[in-house]
Amino acid sequence: MMLIEAAHKPHERLGAHLETEMAAVNALIRDRMASKHAPRIPEVTAHLVDAGGKRLRPMLTLAAAKMCGYQGPYHIHLAATVEFIHTATLLHDDVVDESGQRRGRPTANLLWDNKSSVLVGDYLFSRSFQLMVETGNLRVLDILANASATIAEGEVLQLTAAQDLATDEAIYLQVVRGKTAALFSAATEVGGVIAGASEAQVQALYAYGDALGVSFQIVDDLLDYSGGDAIGKNLGDDFRERKLTLPLIKAVAKANTEERAFWSRTIEKGRQQDGDLDHALTLLKKHGALDATRADALAWAAKAKAALTELPDDPIRDMLHDIADYVVARIN
């Protein structure tokens, strides 16, 4: 335990601080992902759950509730709910993106098939709603139901926006707030709600989760062009998949006629050839797109930290502050 407490990474310190609660969440997840009639459900779910990951989202729910003085049992249900929603979206995303690898392992859709991934994802969404209802808190249900709809909306918006050069930073932010930040903000917000925190504290928890989620996604998008190994991806995967993320949006906004024709050919039309990634990187550097994207990520991390001032003075608050710094540490 002392070794765990001494861990340098803030999410690991938070995990150690919430060790008992996280053990209860993991037990509840294993119990609720079981299926008497369809053994493929726990097989597929276990493949993704056992792959590891930081479990940051459920930890944020536990942290928010505990920091606000919650003594009841339902933060465990809500943390499991958040993880089920997250796992369901990963299963669906891998089908949509035709992914073959996640967290260094073959994806469920590759090991089984697309049908299994989609249907097991649907099952986990259903389980998440059962867990929400058990809390008996209508506001919690409203927050998480809205988040689920927002996530799906963000993913659908990305389908049309990702390869359209007309996509600007406002649309990008809308996509990111949907597909990534919505679950972060819901995770922190419901922790405060179940704890009976003041409205100002609940709003601060929402603002923290929202800004942390946006920063998290911007960092991920930036690393695709500046350090793919840091996130287990090949450099330029987003370019090859024709995803118009923030670095490209910034470069397109400053493109001349010749450069815009290049982006149209490679992103909109998908006619990529040898040397295109190197040319794309050259254009990103020419227009300062990577530095500008980095500045945006740092600004959102700063917003997350600023939101914490409304929350109780507690060791957990310090860990949440450090997590915001850690999210951007890879680009700092």
Foldseek 3Di string as FASTA:
>chain_A
DVVQCPDPALLSVLCVVCVVLVVLLVVVLLVLQDDPPDRVSSVQLCVVVVLDDSLSLLSLLVLLQVLLPADDDLSSLLSNLLVLLVQLVVLLVCLVLVDQDDSRHGHSCVVPNNVSSNVSSVSSNVSSLVSQVVLVDVVLSVLVVVLSVLLVVLVVLQVVQFQDLVDAPVSLLSSQLRNWLSSQLSSNLVSCVSNVHDPLSSVLSSLLSNLLSSLLVLLVVLCLQVPQVVRPGHRCPSQLSLGCHQLNNQLSVVDDPVVVVLSCVCRNVVPDDPPSSVVSSVSSVVRVSSVVSLVSSLVSLVSSLVSLVSTDDDVSNVSSNSNSVVSSVVVD
